[in-house]
Amino acid sequence: MIKLNKKALYSEDAVLMILNLLLLIIVAVVLVFLINMFTVNELNVQGLEADVLKSRILYSKNCISFYDSDIDRSYPGIIDIKKFNEDTLNNCIYFKDENRNIAAKLILADSKNQEIKTIYYNEVWYENWLPLISIPGPGGSKSFSSDLNMVMKDETGAFKDVFLNLQIIIPNS
């Protein structure tokens, strides 16, 4: 057995400490990398906002869907043509006096794809944001479109098959 002097013992401890320090640095770098990889820096809720507006328009008894007051029931798949106007739309969706959050265009067409009626929710901002759809980032806007097969109750009470094109625009800012 070889006896080491005190200087040799200290150098052996120093080498082990350097190796432990390098291992600790590698573990810390990997941990920081993994934490940053799973951290969400941006939260995009534009799609959710568009779905909420779409649901409000289609399912609310105060919006465009047919509402039977005798049984207090709204029929989401049926559009009441008497309620298909901008006043009804503006009254059932309220975002404050000046809405700079969301805008929509609703196009109602018959089964032959002939336009019956077009209405807007927040038409001024819809027209302002429409050219900005292709611009990414702040200052631009994003468009969400849905084509839906619906039934329309006309002024005479007859039911007809129609198509509803719902175009929603939300600014990126």
N, C-alpha and C. Protein backbone atom coordinates (compact mmCIF):
# COMPACT_ATOMS: atom_id res chain seq x y z
N MET A 1 0.84 -1.17 0.00
CA MET A 1 0.00 0.00 0.00
C MET A 1 0.88 1.23 0.00
N ILE A 2 0.55 2.14 -0.88
CA ILE A 2 1.35 3.35 -1.02
C ILE A 2 0.75 4.43 -0.14
N LYS A 3 1.60 5.08 0.59
CA LYS A 3 1.14 6.19 1.41
C LYS A 3 1.27 7.48 0.62
N LEU A 4 0.17 8.23 0.61
CA LEU A 4 0.18 9.51 -0.08
C LEU A 4 0.44 10.62 0.92
N ASN A 5 1.15 11.60 0.48
CA ASN A 5 1.36 12.72 1.37
C ASN A 5 0.15 13.64 1.34
N LYS A 6 0.16 14.65 2.16
CA LYS A 6 -0.99 15.54 2.27
C LYS A 6 -1.27 16.29 0.98
N LYS A 7 -0.23 16.66 0.26
CA LYS A 7 -0.42 17.38 -1.01
C LYS A 7 -1.15 16.51 -2.02
N ALA A 8 -0.86 15.25 -2.09
CA ALA A 8 -1.52 14.34 -3.02
C ALA A 8 -2.98 14.15 -2.64
N LEU A 9 -3.28 14.09 -1.36
CA LEU A 9 -4.67 13.96 -0.93
C LEU A 9 -5.49 15.19 -1.34
N TYR A 10 -4.92 16.36 -1.18
CA TYR A 10 -5.63 17.58 -1.55
C TYR A 10 -5.84 17.65 -3.06
N SER A 11 -4.92 17.25 -3.87
CA SER A 11 -5.08 17.30 -5.32
C SER A 11 -6.14 16.29 -5.79
N GLU A 12 -6.22 15.14 -5.12
CA GLU A 12 -7.25 14.16 -5.46
C GLU A 12 -8.63 14.73 -5.12
N ASP A 13 -8.77 15.39 -3.98
CA ASP A 13 -10.03 16.03 -3.60
C ASP A 13 -10.39 17.15 -4.57
N ALA A 14 -9.41 17.89 -5.02
CA ALA A 14 -9.66 18.99 -5.95
C ALA A 14 -10.18 18.46 -7.28
N VAL A 15 -9.62 17.37 -7.77
CA VAL A 15 -10.07 16.77 -9.03
C VAL A 15 -11.52 16.30 -8.88
N LEU A 16 -11.86 15.66 -7.78
CA LEU A 16 -13.24 15.21 -7.55
C LEU A 16 -14.21 16.40 -7.44
N MET A 17 -13.76 17.45 -6.79
CA MET A 17 -14.62 18.64 -6.67
C MET A 17 -14.87 19.28 -8.03
N ILE A 18 -13.86 19.32 -8.88
CA ILE A 18 -14.02 19.88 -10.24
C ILE A 18 -14.99 19.03 -11.04
N LEU A 19 -14.88 17.70 -10.95
CA LEU A 19 -15.81 16.82 -11.65
C LEU A 19 -17.24 17.00 -11.14
N ASN A 20 -17.39 17.10 -9.83
CA ASN A 20 -18.72 17.34 -9.25
C ASN A 20 -19.29 18.68 -9.70
N LEU A 21 -18.46 19.69 -9.77
CA LEU A 21 -18.90 21.01 -10.21
C LEU A 21 -19.34 20.98 -11.68
N LEU A 22 -18.59 20.29 -12.53
CA LEU A 22 -18.97 20.16 -13.95
C LEU A 22 -20.30 19.42 -14.09
N LEU A 23 -20.48 18.36 -13.32
CA LEU A 23 -21.74 17.62 -13.35
C LEU A 23 -22.90 18.50 -12.88
N LEU A 24 -22.68 19.28 -11.86
CA LEU A 24 -23.71 20.19 -11.35
C LEU A 24 -24.08 21.25 -12.39
N ILE A 25 -23.10 21.77 -13.10
CA ILE A 25 -23.36 22.77 -14.15
C ILE A 25 -24.17 22.15 -15.29
N ILE A 26 -23.83 20.93 -15.69
CA ILE A 26 -24.56 20.25 -16.77
C ILE A 26 -26.01 20.01 -16.36
N VAL A 27 -26.23 19.56 -15.15
CA VAL A 27 -27.59 19.31 -14.66
C VAL A 27 -28.38 20.62 -14.60
N ALA A 28 -27.76 21.70 -14.15
CA ALA A 28 -28.45 23.00 -14.08
C ALA A 28 -28.82 23.50 -15.46
N VAL A 29 -27.93 23.36 -16.45
CA VAL A 29 -28.22 23.81 -17.82
C VAL A 29 -29.37 22.99 -18.40
N VAL A 30 -29.37 21.68 -18.20
CA VAL A 30 -30.46 20.83 -18.70
C VAL A 30 -31.78 21.21 -18.03
N LEU A 31 -31.76 21.46 -16.74
CA LEU A 31 -32.98 21.86 -16.03
C LEU A 31 -33.53 23.18 -16.56
N VAL A 32 -32.68 24.16 -16.74
CA VAL A 32 -33.12 25.45 -17.27
C VAL A 32 -33.69 25.27 -18.68
N PHE A 33 -33.05 24.47 -19.50
CA PHE A 33 -33.54 24.22 -20.86
C PHE A 33 -34.92 23.56 -20.83
N LEU A 34 -35.10 22.55 -19.98
CA LEU A 34 -36.40 21.86 -19.90
C LEU A 34 -37.50 22.79 -19.37
N ILE A 35 -37.19 23.60 -18.40
CA ILE A 35 -38.20 24.52 -17.86
C ILE A 35 -38.60 25.55 -18.92
N ASN A 36 -37.64 26.09 -19.64
CA ASN A 36 -37.96 27.07 -20.70
C ASN A 36 -38.72 26.44 -21.85
N MET A 37 -38.48 25.16 -22.11
CA MET A 37 -39.16 24.49 -23.21
C MET A 37 -40.66 24.35 -22.93
N PHE A 38 -41.04 24.15 -21.67
CA PHE A 38 -42.44 23.93 -21.33
C PHE A 38 -43.14 25.17 -20.79
N THR A 39 -42.49 26.30 -20.77
CA THR A 39 -43.10 27.53 -20.31
C THR A 39 -43.82 28.20 -21.48
N VAL A 40 -45.09 28.60 -21.25
CA VAL A 40 -45.87 29.28 -22.28
C VAL A 40 -45.68 30.78 -22.12
N ASN A 41 -45.13 31.41 -23.17
CA ASN A 41 -44.91 32.85 -23.12
C ASN A 41 -46.06 33.63 -23.73
N GLU A 42 -46.77 33.04 -24.65
CA GLU A 42 -47.90 33.69 -25.31
C GLU A 42 -49.14 32.83 -25.15
N LEU A 43 -50.26 33.49 -25.00
CA LEU A 43 -51.53 32.80 -24.90
C LEU A 43 -52.46 33.38 -25.96
N ASN A 44 -52.79 32.61 -26.96
CA ASN A 44 -53.63 33.07 -28.06
C ASN A 44 -55.05 32.55 -27.86
N VAL A 45 -55.98 33.46 -27.63
CA VAL A 45 -57.37 33.08 -27.38
C VAL A 45 -58.31 33.58 -28.48
N GLN A 46 -57.75 33.98 -29.61
CA GLN A 46 -58.60 34.51 -30.67
C GLN A 46 -59.60 33.48 -31.18
N GLY A 47 -59.17 32.24 -31.33
CA GLY A 47 -60.08 31.18 -31.78
C GLY A 47 -61.21 30.96 -30.79
N LEU A 48 -60.88 31.01 -29.53
CA LEU A 48 -61.89 30.85 -28.48
C LEU A 48 -62.88 32.02 -28.50
N GLU A 49 -62.38 33.24 -28.67
CA GLU A 49 -63.26 34.41 -28.75
C GLU A 49 -64.22 34.29 -29.93
N ALA A 50 -63.70 33.82 -31.07
CA ALA A 50 -64.55 33.64 -32.25
C ALA A 50 -65.62 32.58 -32.01
N ASP A 51 -65.26 31.49 -31.35
CA ASP A 51 -66.24 30.45 -31.04
C ASP A 51 -67.31 30.93 -30.07
N VAL A 52 -66.91 31.76 -29.11
CA VAL A 52 -67.89 32.31 -28.16
C VAL A 52 -68.88 33.22 -28.88
N LEU A 53 -68.37 34.07 -29.78
CA LEU A 53 -69.26 34.95 -30.53
C LEU A 53 -70.19 34.13 -31.43
N LYS A 54 -69.64 33.15 -32.10
CA LYS A 54 -70.45 32.28 -32.97
C LYS A 54 -71.54 31.58 -32.16
N SER A 55 -71.19 31.05 -31.00
CA SER A 55 -72.18 30.38 -30.14
C SER A 55 -73.24 31.36 -29.66
N ARG A 56 -72.82 32.56 -29.33
CA ARG A 56 -73.78 33.57 -28.87
C ARG A 56 -74.77 33.92 -29.98
N ILE A 57 -74.27 34.07 -31.19
CA ILE A 57 -75.14 34.41 -32.32
C ILE A 57 -76.11 33.28 -32.64
N LEU A 58 -75.62 32.05 -32.63
CA LEU A 58 -76.43 30.92 -33.07
C LEU A 58 -77.35 30.35 -31.99
N TYR A 59 -76.97 30.42 -30.72
CA TYR A 59 -77.71 29.72 -29.69
C TYR A 59 -78.53 30.61 -28.77
N SER A 60 -78.29 31.90 -28.75
CA SER A 60 -79.02 32.78 -27.85
C SER A 60 -80.44 33.03 -28.34
N LYS A 61 -81.37 33.05 -27.41
CA LYS A 61 -82.76 33.33 -27.80
C LYS A 61 -82.93 34.79 -28.20
N ASN A 62 -82.01 35.66 -27.80
CA ASN A 62 -82.10 37.08 -28.14
C ASN A 62 -81.45 37.40 -29.47
N CYS A 63 -80.77 36.44 -30.08
CA CYS A 63 -80.11 36.70 -31.36
C CYS A 63 -80.96 36.20 -32.52
N ILE A 64 -80.35 35.58 -33.50
CA ILE A 64 -81.04 35.28 -34.76
C ILE A 64 -81.81 33.97 -34.76
N SER A 65 -81.62 33.13 -33.74
CA SER A 65 -82.30 31.83 -33.76
C SER A 65 -83.79 31.99 -33.44
N PHE A 66 -84.56 31.06 -33.98
CA PHE A 66 -86.01 31.07 -33.76
C PHE A 66 -86.30 30.76 -32.30
N TYR A 67 -87.18 31.56 -31.69
CA TYR A 67 -87.52 31.41 -30.29
C TYR A 67 -89.03 31.25 -30.15
N ASP A 68 -89.44 30.17 -29.51
CA ASP A 68 -90.86 29.91 -29.26
C ASP A 68 -91.15 30.35 -27.82
N SER A 69 -91.86 31.46 -27.67
CA SER A 69 -92.13 32.02 -26.34
C SER A 69 -93.14 31.19 -25.56
N ASP A 70 -93.98 30.39 -26.25
CA ASP A 70 -94.97 29.57 -25.54
C ASP A 70 -94.30 28.51 -24.67
N ILE A 71 -93.25 27.92 -25.17
CA ILE A 71 -92.56 26.88 -24.39
C ILE A 71 -91.19 27.37 -23.90
N ASP A 72 -90.88 28.64 -24.15
CA ASP A 72 -89.62 29.25 -23.71
C ASP A 72 -88.42 28.44 -24.20
N ARG A 73 -88.41 28.22 -25.53
CA ARG A 73 -87.34 27.42 -26.11
C ARG A 73 -86.78 28.11 -27.35
N SER A 74 -85.46 28.07 -27.45
CA SER A 74 -84.76 28.58 -28.62
C SER A 74 -84.36 27.39 -29.48
N TYR A 75 -84.49 27.54 -30.79
CA TYR A 75 -84.12 26.49 -31.73
C TYR A 75 -82.85 26.92 -32.46
N PRO A 76 -81.69 26.42 -32.04
CA PRO A 76 -80.41 26.90 -32.58
C PRO A 76 -80.21 26.68 -34.07
N GLY A 77 -80.77 25.66 -34.65
CA GLY A 77 -80.56 25.39 -36.07
C GLY A 77 -81.53 26.13 -36.99
N ILE A 78 -82.43 26.92 -36.40
CA ILE A 78 -83.45 27.62 -37.19
C ILE A 78 -83.26 29.12 -37.04
N ILE A 79 -83.16 29.81 -38.18
CA ILE A 79 -82.99 31.27 -38.19
C ILE A 79 -84.35 31.92 -38.42
N ASP A 80 -84.69 32.85 -37.57
CA ASP A 80 -85.92 33.63 -37.73
C ASP A 80 -85.57 34.85 -38.59
N ILE A 81 -86.10 34.91 -39.79
CA ILE A 81 -85.75 35.99 -40.72
C ILE A 81 -86.18 37.35 -40.18
N LYS A 82 -87.19 37.39 -39.32
CA LYS A 82 -87.61 38.65 -38.72
C LYS A 82 -86.54 39.19 -37.76
N LYS A 83 -85.76 38.29 -37.17
CA LYS A 83 -84.71 38.69 -36.23
C LYS A 83 -83.34 38.81 -36.91
N PHE A 84 -83.28 38.48 -38.18
CA PHE A 84 -82.00 38.51 -38.90
C PHE A 84 -81.73 39.93 -39.40
N ASN A 85 -81.35 40.81 -38.45
CA ASN A 85 -81.01 42.20 -38.79
C ASN A 85 -79.95 42.70 -37.83
N GLU A 86 -79.36 43.84 -38.17
CA GLU A 86 -78.25 44.37 -37.39
C GLU A 86 -78.68 44.87 -36.01
N ASP A 87 -79.90 45.37 -35.90
CA ASP A 87 -80.38 45.83 -34.60
C ASP A 87 -80.45 44.68 -33.60
N THR A 88 -81.00 43.55 -34.04
CA THR A 88 -81.08 42.38 -33.17
C THR A 88 -79.68 41.90 -32.78
N LEU A 89 -78.78 41.88 -33.76
CA LEU A 89 -77.41 41.43 -33.51
C LEU A 89 -76.69 42.34 -32.53
N ASN A 90 -76.85 43.64 -32.68
CA ASN A 90 -76.20 44.60 -31.78
C ASN A 90 -76.80 44.57 -30.37
N ASN A 91 -78.08 44.22 -30.25
CA ASN A 91 -78.71 44.16 -28.94
C ASN A 91 -78.37 42.87 -28.19
N CYS A 92 -78.14 41.79 -28.91
CA CYS A 92 -77.86 40.53 -28.22
C CYS A 92 -76.38 40.38 -27.86
N ILE A 93 -75.51 41.16 -28.48
CA ILE A 93 -74.07 41.12 -28.18
C ILE A 93 -73.66 42.52 -27.79
N TYR A 94 -73.23 42.68 -26.55
CA TYR A 94 -72.88 44.01 -26.07
C TYR A 94 -71.47 43.98 -25.52
N PHE A 95 -70.57 44.77 -26.11
CA PHE A 95 -69.18 44.84 -25.69
C PHE A 95 -68.80 46.20 -25.12
N LYS A 96 -69.67 47.08 -24.90
CA LYS A 96 -69.51 48.47 -24.47
C LYS A 96 -69.93 49.36 -25.63
N ASP A 97 -69.80 50.65 -25.44
CA ASP A 97 -70.28 51.58 -26.44
C ASP A 97 -69.51 51.47 -27.75
N GLU A 98 -68.20 51.39 -27.68
CA GLU A 98 -67.40 51.25 -28.90
C GLU A 98 -66.62 49.95 -28.81
N ASN A 99 -66.99 49.02 -29.67
CA ASN A 99 -66.37 47.70 -29.65
C ASN A 99 -65.17 47.67 -30.59
N ARG A 100 -63.97 47.51 -30.02
CA ARG A 100 -62.76 47.36 -30.82
C ARG A 100 -62.17 45.97 -30.60
N ASN A 101 -63.03 45.02 -30.24
CA ASN A 101 -62.56 43.68 -29.92
C ASN A 101 -62.86 42.65 -31.01
N ILE A 102 -64.02 42.77 -31.65
CA ILE A 102 -64.45 41.72 -32.57
C ILE A 102 -65.50 42.27 -33.52
N ALA A 103 -65.56 41.70 -34.72
CA ALA A 103 -66.55 42.10 -35.71
C ALA A 103 -66.95 40.88 -36.53
N ALA A 104 -68.14 40.93 -37.13
CA ALA A 104 -68.62 39.77 -37.88
C ALA A 104 -69.50 40.19 -39.05
N LYS A 105 -69.52 39.31 -40.04
CA LYS A 105 -70.38 39.47 -41.20
C LYS A 105 -71.15 38.16 -41.38
N LEU A 106 -72.46 38.25 -41.49
CA LEU A 106 -73.30 37.07 -41.66
C LEU A 106 -73.98 37.15 -43.02
N ILE A 107 -73.76 36.15 -43.84
CA ILE A 107 -74.37 36.09 -45.18
C ILE A 107 -75.32 34.91 -45.21
N LEU A 108 -76.58 35.20 -45.47
CA LEU A 108 -77.60 34.16 -45.55
C LEU A 108 -77.90 33.90 -47.02
N ALA A 109 -77.80 32.64 -47.44
CA ALA A 109 -78.04 32.29 -48.84
C ALA A 109 -79.01 31.11 -48.92
N ASP A 110 -79.77 31.05 -50.01
CA ASP A 110 -80.73 29.96 -50.17
C ASP A 110 -80.01 28.69 -50.65
N SER A 111 -80.79 27.64 -50.91
CA SER A 111 -80.20 26.36 -51.28
C SER A 111 -79.50 26.40 -52.64
N LYS A 112 -79.80 27.40 -53.46
CA LYS A 112 -79.13 27.57 -54.76
C LYS A 112 -77.96 28.52 -54.66
N ASN A 113 -77.58 28.87 -53.44
CA ASN A 113 -76.47 29.76 -53.13
C ASN A 113 -76.70 31.20 -53.60
N GLN A 114 -77.95 31.61 -53.70
CA GLN A 114 -78.30 32.99 -54.01
C GLN A 114 -78.43 33.75 -52.68
N GLU A 115 -77.75 34.88 -52.59
CA GLU A 115 -77.75 35.63 -51.35
C GLU A 115 -79.14 36.16 -51.02
N ILE A 116 -79.57 35.91 -49.80
CA ILE A 116 -80.86 36.42 -49.32
C ILE A 116 -80.68 37.74 -48.59
N LYS A 117 -79.73 37.73 -47.65
CA LYS A 117 -79.51 38.93 -46.84
C LYS A 117 -78.12 38.87 -46.21
N THR A 118 -77.51 40.05 -46.05
CA THR A 118 -76.22 40.16 -45.38
C THR A 118 -76.34 41.18 -44.25
N ILE A 119 -75.85 40.80 -43.09
CA ILE A 119 -75.85 41.73 -41.95
C ILE A 119 -74.46 41.73 -41.33
N TYR A 120 -74.17 42.81 -40.60
CA TYR A 120 -72.87 42.98 -39.96
C TYR A 120 -73.07 43.18 -38.47
N TYR A 121 -72.10 42.70 -37.72
CA TYR A 121 -71.96 43.09 -36.33
C TYR A 121 -70.69 43.93 -36.27
N ASN A 122 -70.80 45.18 -35.87
CA ASN A 122 -69.66 46.09 -35.79
C ASN A 122 -69.07 46.32 -37.19
N GLU A 123 -69.91 46.79 -38.11
CA GLU A 123 -69.53 46.92 -39.52
C GLU A 123 -68.35 47.84 -39.75
N VAL A 124 -68.25 48.94 -39.02
CA VAL A 124 -67.16 49.90 -39.23
C VAL A 124 -65.81 49.23 -38.99
N TRP A 125 -65.68 48.51 -37.88
CA TRP A 125 -64.41 47.86 -37.59
C TRP A 125 -64.20 46.63 -38.47
N TYR A 126 -65.27 45.99 -38.90
CA TYR A 126 -65.12 44.87 -39.83
C TYR A 126 -64.45 45.36 -41.12
N GLU A 127 -64.92 46.46 -41.65
CA GLU A 127 -64.34 47.01 -42.88
C GLU A 127 -62.91 47.51 -42.66
N ASN A 128 -62.62 48.03 -41.45
CA ASN A 128 -61.25 48.48 -41.14
C ASN A 128 -60.28 47.32 -41.01
N TRP A 129 -60.72 46.21 -40.40
CA TRP A 129 -59.82 45.08 -40.15
C TRP A 129 -59.71 44.14 -41.34
N LEU A 130 -60.63 44.19 -42.27
CA LEU A 130 -60.63 43.26 -43.41
C LEU A 130 -59.34 43.31 -44.22
N PRO A 131 -58.80 44.48 -44.58
CA PRO A 131 -57.54 44.48 -45.34
C PRO A 131 -56.32 44.06 -44.52
N LEU A 132 -56.45 43.99 -43.20
CA LEU A 132 -55.31 43.68 -42.34
C LEU A 132 -55.19 42.19 -42.00
N ILE A 133 -56.02 41.35 -42.63
CA ILE A 133 -56.05 39.93 -42.29
C ILE A 133 -54.71 39.25 -42.57
N SER A 134 -54.05 39.61 -43.63
CA SER A 134 -52.81 38.92 -44.00
C SER A 134 -51.58 39.42 -43.23
N ILE A 135 -51.75 40.43 -42.39
CA ILE A 135 -50.61 41.00 -41.66
C ILE A 135 -50.47 40.29 -40.31
N PRO A 136 -49.32 39.64 -40.07
CA PRO A 136 -49.12 38.98 -38.77
C PRO A 136 -48.68 39.97 -37.70
N GLY A 137 -48.89 39.60 -36.47
CA GLY A 137 -48.43 40.42 -35.35
C GLY A 137 -49.35 41.59 -35.05
N PRO A 138 -48.93 42.45 -34.13
CA PRO A 138 -49.75 43.60 -33.76
C PRO A 138 -50.01 44.51 -34.97
N GLY A 139 -51.21 45.01 -35.05
CA GLY A 139 -51.60 45.85 -36.18
C GLY A 139 -52.36 45.07 -37.23
N GLY A 140 -52.25 43.76 -37.22
CA GLY A 140 -52.96 42.92 -38.17
C GLY A 140 -54.25 42.39 -37.55
N SER A 141 -54.88 41.48 -38.25
CA SER A 141 -56.10 40.85 -37.74
C SER A 141 -56.17 39.42 -38.24
N LYS A 142 -57.05 38.66 -37.62
CA LYS A 142 -57.22 37.25 -37.98
C LYS A 142 -58.68 37.00 -38.28
N SER A 143 -58.92 36.19 -39.30
CA SER A 143 -60.28 35.90 -39.74
C SER A 143 -60.65 34.46 -39.45
N PHE A 144 -61.89 34.25 -39.02
CA PHE A 144 -62.43 32.92 -38.77
C PHE A 144 -63.73 32.83 -39.56
N SER A 145 -63.88 31.77 -40.34
CA SER A 145 -65.05 31.63 -41.19
C SER A 145 -65.72 30.28 -40.96
N SER A 146 -67.05 30.29 -40.98
CA SER A 146 -67.83 29.06 -40.81
C SER A 146 -68.95 29.05 -41.83
N ASP A 147 -69.11 27.93 -42.50
CA ASP A 147 -70.24 27.72 -43.40
C ASP A 147 -71.17 26.71 -42.74
N LEU A 148 -72.41 27.11 -42.51
CA LEU A 148 -73.34 26.28 -41.77
C LEU A 148 -74.61 26.02 -42.56
N ASN A 149 -75.09 24.80 -42.52
CA ASN A 149 -76.40 24.46 -43.09
C ASN A 149 -77.45 24.74 -42.02
N MET A 150 -78.41 25.56 -42.34
CA MET A 150 -79.41 25.97 -41.36
C MET A 150 -80.80 25.85 -42.00
N VAL A 151 -81.81 26.13 -41.19
CA VAL A 151 -83.19 26.22 -41.65
C VAL A 151 -83.66 27.63 -41.32
N MET A 152 -84.40 28.24 -42.26
CA MET A 152 -84.88 29.61 -42.06
C MET A 152 -86.41 29.59 -41.97
N LYS A 153 -86.92 30.32 -40.99
CA LYS A 153 -88.36 30.53 -40.90
C LYS A 153 -88.63 31.90 -41.51
N ASP A 154 -89.32 31.94 -42.64
CA ASP A 154 -89.55 33.21 -43.33
C ASP A 154 -90.76 33.94 -42.75
N GLU A 155 -91.12 35.06 -43.37
CA GLU A 155 -92.21 35.90 -42.86
C GLU A 155 -93.56 35.19 -42.85
N THR A 156 -93.75 34.25 -43.75
CA THR A 156 -95.02 33.52 -43.82
C THR A 156 -95.09 32.36 -42.84
N GLY A 157 -93.99 32.03 -42.22
CA GLY A 157 -93.95 30.91 -41.27
C GLY A 157 -93.45 29.63 -41.90
N ALA A 158 -93.12 29.68 -43.18
CA ALA A 158 -92.61 28.49 -43.87
C ALA A 158 -91.13 28.29 -43.55
N PHE A 159 -90.71 27.04 -43.56
CA PHE A 159 -89.32 26.71 -43.29
C PHE A 159 -88.60 26.35 -44.58
N LYS A 160 -87.39 26.89 -44.74
CA LYS A 160 -86.59 26.66 -45.95
C LYS A 160 -85.16 26.33 -45.55
N ASP A 161 -84.52 25.51 -46.36
CA ASP A 161 -83.10 25.21 -46.15
C ASP A 161 -82.26 26.38 -46.65
N VAL A 162 -81.31 26.81 -45.83
CA VAL A 162 -80.44 27.93 -46.19
C VAL A 162 -79.00 27.62 -45.74
N PHE A 163 -78.08 28.43 -46.24
CA PHE A 163 -76.69 28.38 -45.82
C PHE A 163 -76.36 29.69 -45.12
N LEU A 164 -75.63 29.58 -44.02
CA LEU A 164 -75.19 30.76 -43.30
C LEU A 164 -73.66 30.78 -43.32
N ASN A 165 -73.11 31.84 -43.89
CA ASN A 165 -71.66 32.03 -43.86
C ASN A 165 -71.37 33.08 -42.80
N LEU A 166 -70.62 32.66 -41.80
CA LEU A 166 -70.30 33.53 -40.67
C LEU A 166 -68.81 33.83 -40.72
N GLN A 167 -68.46 35.11 -40.92
CA GLN A 167 -67.07 35.55 -41.00
C GLN A 167 -66.79 36.47 -39.81
N ILE A 168 -65.85 36.05 -38.97
CA ILE A 168 -65.51 36.81 -37.77
C ILE A 168 -64.07 37.31 -37.90
N ILE A 169 -63.86 38.58 -37.58
CA ILE A 169 -62.53 39.17 -37.62
C ILE A 169 -62.18 39.70 -36.23
N ILE A 170 -60.96 39.36 -35.77
CA ILE A 170 -60.47 39.79 -34.46
C ILE A 170 -59.10 40.41 -34.67
N PRO A 171 -58.85 41.60 -34.12
CA PRO A 171 -57.52 42.22 -34.27
C PRO A 171 -56.47 41.47 -33.46
N ASN A 172 -55.22 41.54 -33.91
CA ASN A 172 -54.12 40.86 -33.24
C ASN A 172 -53.61 41.59 -32.01
N SER A 173 -53.90 42.85 -31.86
CA SER A 173 -53.32 43.62 -30.77
C SER A 173 -53.81 43.23 -29.41
